[in-house]
Protein backbone atom coordinates (compact mmCIF):
# COMPACT_ATOMS: atom_id res chain seq x y z
CA MET A 1 25.43 13.20 11.40
CA PRO A 2 22.15 13.29 7.62
CA GLU A 3 19.12 15.16 9.18
CA LYS A 4 16.26 12.78 9.08
CA PRO A 5 14.12 12.73 6.25
CA ASN A 6 10.73 14.14 6.37
CA ILE A 7 9.08 11.10 5.75
CA VAL A 8 4.82 11.43 5.63
CA ALA A 9 2.13 8.70 5.06
CA ILE A 10 -0.72 9.25 2.84
CA ILE A 11 -4.01 7.49 3.24
CA PRO A 12 -5.98 7.86 -0.10
CA ALA A 13 -9.43 7.46 1.28
CA ARG A 14 -12.73 8.24 -1.42
CA TYR A 15 -16.38 7.27 -0.87
CA ALA A 16 -17.73 6.46 -3.82
CA SER A 17 -16.14 2.92 -4.24
CA THR A 18 -17.80 0.41 -6.61
CA ARG A 19 -17.97 -2.15 -4.12
CA PHE A 20 -18.53 -0.87 -0.47
CA PRO A 21 -19.51 2.68 -1.38
CA GLY A 22 -18.72 4.59 1.90
CA LYS A 23 -16.08 2.13 3.20
CA PRO A 24 -13.51 4.73 4.99
CA LEU A 25 -16.04 5.60 7.30
CA VAL A 26 -17.96 1.57 7.97
CA LYS A 27 -17.70 1.16 11.86
CA ILE A 28 -15.05 -1.51 12.90
CA SER A 29 -15.50 -2.17 16.82
CA GLY A 30 -16.99 1.30 16.81
CA LEU A 31 -14.28 3.09 15.43
CA THR A 32 -14.27 4.11 11.74
CA MET A 33 -12.07 2.05 9.42
CA ILE A 34 -9.99 5.48 8.64
CA GLU A 35 -9.64 6.24 12.38
CA ARG A 36 -8.18 2.49 12.41
CA VAL A 37 -5.93 2.81 9.71
CA TYR A 38 -4.94 6.45 10.94
CA ARG A 39 -3.79 4.98 14.21
CA GLN A 40 -2.01 2.24 13.02
CA SER A 41 -0.31 4.54 10.88
CA GLU A 42 0.57 6.87 13.69
CA MET A 43 2.70 4.01 15.37
CA SER A 44 5.25 3.85 12.61
CA SER A 45 8.55 4.75 14.22
CA LEU A 46 10.39 6.05 10.82
CA VAL A 47 7.16 8.29 9.75
CA SER A 48 6.86 12.29 10.34
CA ARG A 49 3.15 12.75 9.96
CA ILE A 50 -0.20 11.10 8.77
CA LEU A 51 -2.20 12.85 6.33
CA VAL A 52 -5.37 11.45 5.07
CA ALA A 53 -6.00 12.75 1.05
CA THR A 54 -9.50 12.65 0.33
CA ASP A 55 -11.86 14.04 -2.20
CA ASP A 56 -14.75 14.27 0.13
CA GLN A 57 -16.20 16.09 2.54
CA ARG A 58 -17.97 13.32 4.83
CA ILE A 59 -14.60 11.85 5.22
CA PHE A 60 -12.90 15.33 5.38
CA ARG A 61 -15.34 15.77 8.77
CA THR A 62 -14.41 12.41 9.99
CA VAL A 63 -10.73 12.55 10.34
CA GLU A 64 -10.64 16.50 11.57
CA GLY A 65 -12.98 15.01 14.27
CA PHE A 66 -10.80 12.37 15.51
CA GLY A 67 -8.30 14.72 15.85
CA GLY A 68 -6.39 13.53 12.21
CA ASN A 69 -4.78 15.55 9.07
CA CYS A 70 -6.77 15.47 5.98
CA VAL A 71 -6.29 17.27 2.72
CA LEU A 72 -9.20 17.76 0.17
CA THR A 73 -8.22 16.57 -3.51
CA SER A 74 -9.31 16.44 -6.75
CA LYS A 75 -12.28 14.26 -7.51
CA GLU A 76 -11.00 13.39 -11.34
CA HIS A 77 -8.69 11.10 -9.92
CA LEU A 78 -8.50 7.46 -11.12
CA SER A 79 -6.19 6.26 -8.64
CA GLY A 80 -4.82 6.31 -5.01
CA THR A 81 -1.36 7.14 -6.85
CA ASP A 82 -2.68 10.36 -8.63
CA ARG A 83 -4.56 11.65 -5.38
CA LEU A 84 -1.15 10.91 -3.43
CA ALA A 85 0.77 12.72 -6.24
CA GLU A 86 -1.62 16.38 -5.78
CA VAL A 87 -0.53 16.05 -2.38
CA ALA A 88 3.46 16.00 -2.87
CA ALA A 89 3.07 18.42 -5.77
CA GLN A 90 1.69 20.58 -3.11
CA ASN A 91 4.21 19.87 -0.61
CA ASP A 92 7.94 20.09 -1.69
CA ASP A 93 8.98 19.98 2.01
CA ILE A 94 8.33 16.07 1.87
CA ASP A 95 11.30 13.43 0.72
CA LEU A 96 9.17 10.01 1.07
CA ILE A 97 5.85 9.63 0.70
CA VAL A 98 4.56 6.39 2.35
CA ASN A 99 1.06 5.14 0.60
CA VAL A 100 -1.20 3.05 3.33
CA GLN A 101 -4.16 1.65 1.85
CA GLY A 102 -7.07 3.27 3.66
CA ASP A 103 -9.17 -0.24 3.29
CA GLU A 104 -6.28 -2.23 6.19
CA PRO A 105 -7.30 -1.15 9.51
CA LEU A 106 -4.72 -3.78 10.80
CA ILE A 107 -1.80 -2.25 9.36
CA ASP A 108 1.18 -3.34 10.96
CA PRO A 109 3.29 -0.49 11.92
CA ALA A 110 6.24 -2.24 11.82
CA ALA A 111 5.36 -3.59 8.54
CA ILE A 112 5.60 0.42 7.21
CA ASP A 113 9.26 0.62 8.94
CA ALA A 114 10.20 -2.68 6.92
CA ALA A 115 9.35 -0.93 3.43
CA ILE A 116 10.78 3.01 5.14
CA GLN A 117 14.08 1.00 6.08
CA PRO A 118 15.95 0.42 3.10
CA PHE A 119 15.63 4.35 1.68
CA LEU A 120 17.90 4.93 4.75
CA ALA A 121 20.57 2.98 3.69
CA ASP A 122 20.60 3.65 -0.13
CA THR A 123 20.05 7.09 -1.24
CA ASP A 124 19.09 6.00 -5.30
CA LEU A 125 16.31 4.03 -4.19
CA GLN A 126 13.34 5.52 -5.58
CA MET A 127 10.68 2.85 -4.79
CA SER A 128 9.78 0.29 -2.20
CA THR A 129 6.69 -2.23 -1.70
CA LEU A 130 6.37 -5.61 0.92
CA ALA A 131 5.44 -9.16 -0.09
CA ARG A 132 5.21 -12.04 1.88
CA LYS A 133 6.15 -15.70 1.20
CA LEU A 134 2.49 -17.58 0.17
CA SER A 135 1.46 -20.94 2.31
CA THR A 136 -0.85 -22.55 0.81
CA PRO A 137 -1.33 -23.64 -2.68
CA THR A 138 -5.00 -21.54 -2.69
CA GLU A 139 -3.37 -18.17 -1.99
CA VAL A 140 -1.34 -18.63 -5.16
CA GLU A 141 -3.68 -19.55 -7.64
CA ARG A 142 -6.31 -16.77 -6.46
CA GLY A 143 -5.97 -14.54 -8.80
CA GLU A 144 -6.93 -11.49 -6.33
CA GLN A 145 -3.59 -12.09 -4.62
CA VAL A 146 -0.67 -10.54 -6.94
CA LYS A 147 2.57 -12.53 -6.93
CA VAL A 148 5.97 -11.26 -7.74
CA VAL A 149 9.38 -11.98 -8.30
CA THR A 150 12.38 -10.36 -8.06
CA ASP A 151 15.75 -10.42 -8.88
CA ASN A 152 18.92 -11.34 -6.78
CA SER A 153 19.27 -7.68 -4.87
CA GLY A 154 15.39 -8.31 -3.93
CA PHE A 155 14.24 -6.02 -6.92
CA ALA A 156 11.27 -6.38 -8.67
CA LEU A 157 11.05 -8.03 -11.61
CA TYR A 158 7.17 -8.76 -12.76
CA PHE A 159 4.19 -8.43 -10.71
CA SER A 160 1.60 -10.85 -11.76
CA ARG A 161 -2.13 -12.00 -11.10
CA ALA A 162 -0.97 -15.72 -12.90
CA ALA A 163 1.34 -17.90 -10.23
CA ILE A 164 4.82 -16.82 -10.83
CA PRO A 165 7.61 -18.02 -11.36
CA CYS A 166 5.87 -21.31 -13.58
CA TYR A 167 7.19 -24.38 -11.89
CA ARG A 168 7.62 -26.59 -14.89
CA ASP A 169 8.55 -29.83 -12.68
CA ASN A 170 7.06 -31.94 -10.29
CA ARG A 171 8.17 -30.60 -7.09
CA GLU A 172 6.26 -30.60 -4.00
CA PHE A 173 4.64 -27.07 -3.29
CA SER A 174 6.45 -26.58 -0.03
CA ALA A 175 9.60 -26.93 -2.29
CA ARG A 176 7.85 -24.13 -4.52
CA ASN A 177 8.95 -19.88 -3.18
CA TYR A 178 5.98 -17.43 -4.39
CA LEU A 179 6.25 -14.03 -2.86
CA GLY A 180 2.51 -12.80 -2.54
CA HIS A 181 2.64 -8.78 -3.08
CA ILE A 182 1.24 -6.58 0.01
CA GLY A 183 0.16 -3.06 -1.89
CA LEU A 184 1.73 -0.82 0.39
CA TYR A 185 4.44 1.53 -0.99
CA VAL A 186 6.96 4.36 -0.02
CA TYR A 187 8.33 6.82 -3.18
CA ARG A 188 11.12 9.10 -3.08
CA ARG A 189 8.91 12.54 -4.17
CA ASP A 190 9.96 13.14 -7.38
CA CYS A 191 9.39 8.89 -8.20
CA LEU A 192 6.08 9.50 -7.10
CA LEU A 193 5.46 13.08 -9.47
CA ARG A 194 6.79 11.09 -12.36
CA LEU A 195 5.63 7.81 -11.63
CA ALA A 196 1.35 9.69 -11.79
CA ALA A 197 2.89 11.87 -14.74
CA LEU A 198 3.19 8.81 -17.03
CA PRO A 199 0.64 7.30 -18.97
CA PRO A 200 -0.15 3.66 -18.67
CA THR A 201 1.52 1.22 -19.89
CA VAL A 202 0.83 -2.33 -21.89
CA LEU A 203 1.39 -4.73 -19.44
CA GLU A 204 -0.09 -2.04 -16.26
CA LEU A 205 -3.69 -2.35 -18.69
CA ALA A 206 -3.07 -6.23 -19.07
CA GLU A 207 -2.81 -6.90 -15.72
CA SER A 208 -4.57 -4.02 -14.00
CA LEU A 209 -1.63 -3.86 -12.10
CA GLU A 210 -0.64 0.36 -11.97
CA GLN A 211 2.82 -0.80 -10.15
CA LEU A 212 3.69 -2.47 -14.07
CA ARG A 213 3.78 1.45 -14.83
CA ALA A 214 7.18 1.61 -12.97
CA LEU A 215 8.85 -1.36 -14.09
CA GLU A 216 7.74 -0.83 -17.55
CA ASN A 217 9.49 2.68 -17.33
CA GLY A 218 12.87 1.43 -15.67
CA ILE A 219 11.80 2.49 -11.99
CA ARG A 220 13.21 -0.53 -10.27
CA ILE A 221 10.96 -1.42 -6.92
CA LYS A 222 12.60 -2.87 -3.93
CA VAL A 223 10.19 -5.85 -2.21
CA VAL A 224 10.93 -6.12 1.39
CA GLU A 225 9.73 -9.23 2.66
CA THR A 226 7.82 -9.10 5.44
CA LEU A 227 5.76 -12.11 7.80
CA TYR A 228 2.83 -9.10 7.71
CA ARG A 229 -0.57 -10.94 6.47
CA SER A 230 -2.63 -8.00 5.47
CA LEU A 231 -6.26 -8.70 6.02
CA ALA A 232 -7.81 -5.63 3.79
CA ILE A 233 -11.73 -4.92 3.74
CA ASP A 234 -13.18 -4.74 0.13
CA VAL A 235 -16.98 -5.83 1.12
CA PRO A 236 -18.94 -5.37 3.78
CA SER A 237 -18.75 -9.05 4.82
CA ASP A 238 -15.18 -8.36 5.16
CA ILE A 239 -15.78 -6.86 8.59
CA LYS A 240 -16.73 -10.03 10.71
CA ALA A 241 -12.88 -11.20 10.17
CA VAL A 242 -11.25 -8.05 10.96
CA GLU A 243 -13.33 -7.84 14.29
CA ALA A 244 -12.50 -11.13 14.87
CA ALA A 245 -8.92 -10.81 14.37
CA LEU A 246 -9.64 -7.20 16.86
CA SER A 247 -10.88 -9.54 19.67
CA ALA A 248 -7.65 -11.85 19.33
CA ASN A 249 -5.24 -9.62 19.71
CA PRO A 250 -6.89 -6.66 21.69
CA ASN A 251 -3.45 -4.69 21.89
């Protein structure tokens, strides 16, 4: 029987957010956002351990204070992927790395497991992510909502802020199929290190979507469909929606 892989969920967290400084430490119904993300990730049935990767002592002390595991990383990183890669480079015992976004305090543990699951059956798989069906034209038209199209095997063909695919006929919206990308990723360790070492690519810069770097360099990304609806906190006004969701589903 194959040995269980060492699967580590890493939550990149930085204090100096342009739109919302100090975001990981904001209180949401009594707990900091970083603790809520951490606690949700802990409920994954497949993850071996959780780490927060940060460049800020305030976040480090907060995570250590609630009993979590945290590592300090360089202040020079331009992205969460680079921060994860630093941790991965220092831990050669890790098999799979789950990139859990630090601004999704309601992340569903089942969604994390769903993104990991394909790796358990396919030893050649290098990278996976999540997507859900978009149900309204407003969602499709929002540039902030990234869309993805896949091949017949469920691998990403392209990600875009535009509405893809572009339907040239007059079919009703209900007959169209749009997938909205959810920014949770799972990588094999070697894949993450390779990706972080590659320079930005033409399409990545055009769309401002880092995952296109993988596609442009021949790294296939498995897209796992989920019913999970991401509810991220980008600006302070988003907190009310998350607290309302917590009140509606306290468990």
